[in-house]
Protein backbone atom coordinates (compact mmCIF):
# COMPACT_ATOMS: atom_id res chain seq x y z
CA UNK A 1 -28.14 -29.95 147.68
CA UNK A 2 -29.91 -33.30 147.22
CA UNK A 3 -31.92 -34.55 150.18
CA UNK A 4 -30.10 -37.26 152.11
CA UNK A 5 -32.16 -40.45 152.23
CA UNK A 6 -31.09 -42.83 154.96
CA UNK A 7 -34.25 -44.95 155.43
CA UNK A 8 -33.40 -47.41 152.69
CA UNK A 9 -35.55 -50.58 152.38
CA UNK A 10 -34.29 -53.42 154.57
CA UNK A 11 -34.33 -55.90 151.67
CA UNK A 12 -32.49 -53.62 149.23
CA UNK A 13 -29.27 -55.66 149.41
CA UNK A 14 -28.79 -59.41 149.05
CA UNK A 15 -26.10 -61.65 150.59
CA UNK A 16 -23.23 -62.38 148.23
CA UNK A 17 -21.54 -65.67 147.47
CA UNK A 18 -17.94 -66.69 147.98
CA UNK A 19 -15.42 -66.12 145.21
CA UNK A 20 -15.92 -62.56 144.05
CA UNK A 21 -17.63 -60.98 147.02
CA UNK A 22 -16.47 -57.38 146.64
CA UNK A 23 -17.28 -57.44 142.91
CA UNK A 24 -20.78 -58.74 143.69
CA UNK A 25 -21.34 -55.88 146.12
CA UNK A 26 -20.18 -53.37 143.52
CA UNK A 27 -22.46 -54.94 140.89
CA UNK A 28 -25.49 -54.88 143.20
CA UNK A 29 -25.05 -51.23 144.11
CA UNK A 30 -24.36 -50.25 140.50
CA UNK A 31 -27.59 -51.95 139.36
CA UNK A 32 -29.57 -50.27 142.16
CA UNK A 33 -28.27 -46.89 141.01
CA UNK A 34 -29.11 -47.60 137.37
CA UNK A 35 -32.61 -48.69 138.32
CA UNK A 36 -33.14 -45.55 140.38
CA UNK A 37 -33.60 -47.46 143.62
CA UNK A 38 -30.53 -45.65 144.91
CA UNK A 39 -30.28 -42.01 143.91
CA UNK A 40 -27.66 -39.26 144.34
CA UNK A 41 -27.68 -38.07 147.94
CA UNK A 42 -28.71 -41.40 149.46
CA UNK A 43 -26.51 -42.52 152.33
CA UNK A 44 -25.61 -46.18 152.32
CA UNK A 45 -25.90 -48.16 155.56
CA UNK A 46 -22.88 -48.17 157.86
CA UNK A 47 -20.03 -50.57 157.18
CA UNK A 48 -21.25 -52.81 160.00
CA UNK A 49 -24.78 -52.92 158.58
CA UNK A 50 -23.47 -53.61 155.09
CA UNK A 51 -21.41 -56.48 156.49
CA UNK A 52 -24.57 -58.00 157.95
CA UNK A 53 -26.67 -57.45 154.83
CA UNK A 54 -24.09 -58.89 152.44
CA UNK A 55 -22.78 -61.52 154.83
CA UNK A 56 -19.16 -60.51 154.40
CA UNK A 57 -16.28 -59.07 156.43
CA UNK A 58 -15.60 -55.37 156.90
CA UNK A 59 -12.47 -55.71 154.75
CA UNK A 60 -14.61 -56.89 151.82
CA UNK A 61 -17.11 -54.05 152.27
CA UNK A 62 -14.31 -51.48 152.39
CA UNK A 63 -12.79 -52.88 149.21
CA UNK A 64 -16.16 -52.62 147.45
CA UNK A 65 -16.65 -49.06 148.66
CA UNK A 66 -13.19 -48.10 147.39
CA UNK A 67 -14.07 -49.46 143.94
CA UNK A 68 -17.39 -47.61 143.90
CA UNK A 69 -15.66 -44.40 144.95
CA UNK A 70 -12.99 -44.81 142.28
CA UNK A 71 -15.75 -45.23 139.69
CA UNK A 72 -17.42 -42.03 140.86
CA UNK A 73 -20.57 -43.78 142.08
CA UNK A 74 -20.23 -42.90 145.76
CA UNK A 75 -18.51 -40.26 147.87
CA UNK A 76 -16.94 -41.13 151.20
CA UNK A 77 -17.37 -38.38 153.80
CA UNK A 78 -15.78 -38.29 157.24
CA UNK A 79 -17.08 -36.83 160.47
CA UNK A 80 -20.24 -37.13 162.54
CA UNK A 81 -22.42 -36.86 159.44
CA UNK A 82 -20.09 -38.89 157.29
CA UNK A 83 -20.54 -42.16 155.49
CA UNK A 84 -20.86 -43.45 151.94
CA UNK A 85 -23.18 -41.31 149.81
CA UNK A 86 -24.44 -42.10 146.33
CA UNK A 87 -23.32 -39.50 143.81
CA UNK A 88 -23.79 -38.95 140.09
CA UNK A 89 -20.67 -39.90 138.11
CA UNK A 90 -18.86 -36.78 136.91
CA UNK A 91 -18.14 -36.14 133.27
CA UNK A 92 -14.44 -36.67 133.93
CA UNK A 93 -15.02 -40.19 135.36
CA UNK A 94 -17.13 -41.16 132.36
CA UNK A 95 -14.76 -39.55 129.91
CA UNK A 96 -11.67 -41.24 131.34
CA UNK A 97 -13.39 -44.62 131.23
CA UNK A 98 -14.29 -44.19 127.56
CA UNK A 99 -10.79 -42.92 126.78
CA UNK A 100 -9.24 -45.98 128.39
CA UNK A 101 -11.60 -48.24 126.46
CA UNK A 102 -10.77 -46.63 123.12
CA UNK A 103 -7.05 -46.34 123.82
CA UNK A 104 -6.64 -49.95 124.93
CA UNK A 105 -8.86 -51.43 122.21
CA UNK A 106 -7.31 -52.46 118.88
CA UNK A 107 -8.70 -49.40 117.05
CA UNK A 108 -6.83 -48.45 113.88
CA UNK A 109 -6.03 -44.95 112.68
CA UNK A 110 -8.14 -45.60 109.57
CA UNK A 111 -11.15 -46.53 111.72
CA UNK A 112 -10.71 -43.36 113.74
CA UNK A 113 -10.70 -41.27 110.56
CA UNK A 114 -13.88 -42.98 109.32
CA UNK A 115 -15.52 -42.10 112.61
CA UNK A 116 -14.29 -38.52 112.33
CA UNK A 117 -16.07 -38.22 108.98
CA UNK A 118 -19.36 -39.11 110.65
CA UNK A 119 -18.87 -36.88 113.68
CA UNK A 120 -17.05 -33.84 112.33
CA UNK A 121 -19.03 -33.47 109.11
CA UNK A 122 -22.18 -33.61 111.24
CA UNK A 123 -20.78 -30.94 113.55
CA UNK A 124 -20.19 -28.35 110.83
CA UNK A 125 -23.84 -27.21 110.39
CA UNK A 126 -24.21 -26.65 114.13
CA UNK A 127 -20.95 -24.71 114.27
CA UNK A 128 -22.00 -22.49 111.36
CA UNK A 129 -25.29 -21.81 113.10
CA UNK A 130 -24.14 -21.37 116.71
CA UNK A 131 -20.52 -20.17 116.75
CA UNK A 132 -20.26 -16.89 118.66
CA UNK A 133 -17.81 -14.07 118.09
CA UNK A 134 -15.86 -15.41 121.05
CA UNK A 135 -15.75 -18.86 119.43
CA UNK A 136 -14.58 -17.42 116.13
CA UNK A 137 -11.88 -15.39 117.86
CA UNK A 138 -10.65 -18.50 119.68
CA UNK A 139 -10.53 -20.52 116.45
CA UNK A 140 -8.72 -17.70 114.67
CA UNK A 141 -6.19 -17.46 117.48
CA UNK A 142 -5.47 -21.19 117.17
CA UNK A 143 -5.04 -20.79 113.41
CA UNK A 144 -2.65 -17.85 113.86
CA UNK A 145 -0.53 -19.83 116.34
CA UNK A 146 -0.54 -22.85 114.04
CA UNK A 147 0.51 -20.75 111.03
CA UNK A 148 3.38 -19.22 113.00
CA UNK A 149 4.47 -22.68 114.16
CA UNK A 150 4.26 -24.02 110.61
CA UNK A 151 6.50 -21.22 109.35
CA UNK A 152 8.95 -21.85 112.19
CA UNK A 153 8.92 -25.60 111.59
CA UNK A 154 7.46 -26.34 115.03
CA UNK A 155 3.90 -27.26 114.10
CA UNK A 156 2.61 -30.41 115.85
CA UNK A 157 -0.40 -32.66 115.51
CA UNK A 158 -1.35 -31.73 119.08
CA UNK A 159 -2.11 -28.25 117.72
CA UNK A 160 -4.36 -29.78 115.07
CA UNK A 161 -6.18 -31.86 117.69
CA UNK A 162 -6.66 -28.75 119.82
CA UNK A 163 -8.31 -26.98 116.88
CA UNK A 164 -10.77 -29.81 116.26
CA UNK A 165 -11.62 -30.05 119.96
CA UNK A 166 -12.30 -26.30 120.12
CA UNK A 167 -14.37 -26.57 116.95
CA UNK A 168 -16.68 -29.06 118.67
CA UNK A 169 -17.14 -26.62 121.55
CA UNK A 170 -18.59 -24.13 119.07
CA UNK A 171 -21.69 -26.33 118.79
CA UNK A 172 -22.60 -25.46 122.40
CA UNK A 173 -23.84 -29.04 122.68
CA UNK A 174 -22.49 -30.70 125.82
CA UNK A 175 -22.93 -34.22 124.46
CA UNK A 176 -20.88 -33.40 121.36
CA UNK A 177 -18.19 -31.69 123.42
CA UNK A 178 -17.92 -34.69 125.74
CA UNK A 179 -17.74 -37.05 122.76
CA UNK A 180 -14.99 -34.99 121.13
CA UNK A 181 -13.02 -34.83 124.37
CA UNK A 182 -13.16 -38.60 124.80
CA UNK A 183 -12.07 -38.95 121.19
CA UNK A 184 -9.02 -36.70 121.57
CA UNK A 185 -6.37 -39.39 122.16
CA UNK A 186 -7.51 -41.61 119.26
CA UNK A 187 -7.76 -38.47 117.13
CA UNK A 188 -4.21 -37.49 117.98
CA UNK A 189 -3.03 -41.02 117.26
CA UNK A 190 -4.58 -40.98 113.78
CA UNK A 191 -3.19 -37.51 113.02
CA UNK A 192 0.30 -38.58 114.01
CA UNK A 193 0.08 -41.70 111.85
CA UNK A 194 -1.05 -39.60 108.90
CA UNK A 195 1.69 -37.05 109.54
CA UNK A 196 4.32 -39.80 109.65
CA UNK A 197 3.11 -40.96 106.24
CA UNK A 198 3.30 -37.49 104.69
CA UNK A 199 4.90 -34.84 106.96
CA UNK A 200 4.72 -32.16 104.27
CA UNK A 201 0.90 -32.22 104.34
CA UNK A 202 0.69 -30.70 107.84
CA UNK A 203 1.08 -27.22 106.41
CA UNK A 204 -1.87 -27.75 104.10
CA UNK A 205 -3.95 -28.74 107.10
CA UNK A 206 -3.25 -25.36 108.71
CA UNK A 207 -4.42 -23.61 105.55
CA UNK A 208 -7.59 -25.69 105.53
CA UNK A 209 -8.27 -24.76 109.16
CA UNK A 210 -7.92 -21.08 108.24
CA UNK A 211 -10.28 -21.48 105.27
CA UNK A 212 -12.75 -23.38 107.45
CA UNK A 213 -12.88 -20.58 110.02
CA UNK A 214 -13.48 -18.04 107.24
CA UNK A 215 -16.39 -20.11 105.90
CA UNK A 216 -17.87 -20.47 109.38
CA UNK A 217 -17.55 -16.72 109.94
CA UNK A 218 -19.47 -16.18 106.70
CA UNK A 219 -22.08 -18.75 107.83
CA UNK A 220 -21.44 -20.59 104.58
CA UNK A 221 -22.31 -24.12 105.65
CA UNK A 222 -21.92 -25.81 102.21
CA UNK A 223 -18.43 -24.35 101.79
CA UNK A 224 -17.42 -25.21 105.36
CA UNK A 225 -18.69 -28.76 104.89
CA UNK A 226 -16.76 -29.12 101.63
CA UNK A 227 -13.55 -27.91 103.28
CA UNK A 228 -13.99 -30.32 106.18
CA UNK A 229 -14.75 -33.21 103.82
CA UNK A 230 -11.61 -32.57 101.77
CA UNK A 231 -9.61 -32.16 104.98
CA UNK A 232 -10.72 -35.55 106.31
CA UNK A 233 -10.51 -37.31 102.94
CA UNK A 234 -6.89 -36.21 102.63
CA UNK A 235 -6.09 -37.68 106.05
CA UNK A 236 -7.82 -40.92 105.08
CA UNK A 237 -5.84 -41.09 101.84
CA UNK A 238 -2.54 -40.64 103.68
CA UNK A 239 -3.42 -43.43 106.10
CA UNK A 240 -4.38 -45.74 103.24
CA UNK A 241 -0.88 -45.35 101.81
CA UNK A 242 0.92 -45.86 105.14
């Protein structure tokens, strides 16, 4: 557990101006965390002390603390040893923020597919090198379920997205996994657009997933890369016609 630091410098915080007081408090504390002047485990001054340092009311301080807590930058604890403690943002907080940014921005399905070419083609060599027997079994299980769903006419693009997300996990690179997870909603959006343009092509995608897993199992990186490239190029072509 990180050591709790309570003896923070007296001049660490500056009074804020009227207009956007709670936002100014949030900005100050965020900058102090980024600069390392506040670190995970540090306990912020009491609400009363913060009111004096910032020159604002307790209501304003509480609003700022709620925003910081919602952003994953502090943790509010109750009790005799409670207070507001600086904490490192969790992966889920960061991921959700990026997801919201990408989902709400005017990103097109074609742009998403272009990005997939950069990311997923780059992932293939790592997967071929690092995929474990457990990884391969998980990918094969997803392919078997997808094939059964295809034959039953119940295959969905969510199943395709799940395969690509699990594929990224085979790199055993946390940064890549986090990136792929944040990219899941835009990925699903682009897959659904492509499927709407050519529904009959979904079955071919399942076959390509099966062939890709076989190439990875054989540690045949050139073949796996070629399959992935054709897989993504086909999606891009469908979107271009939609």
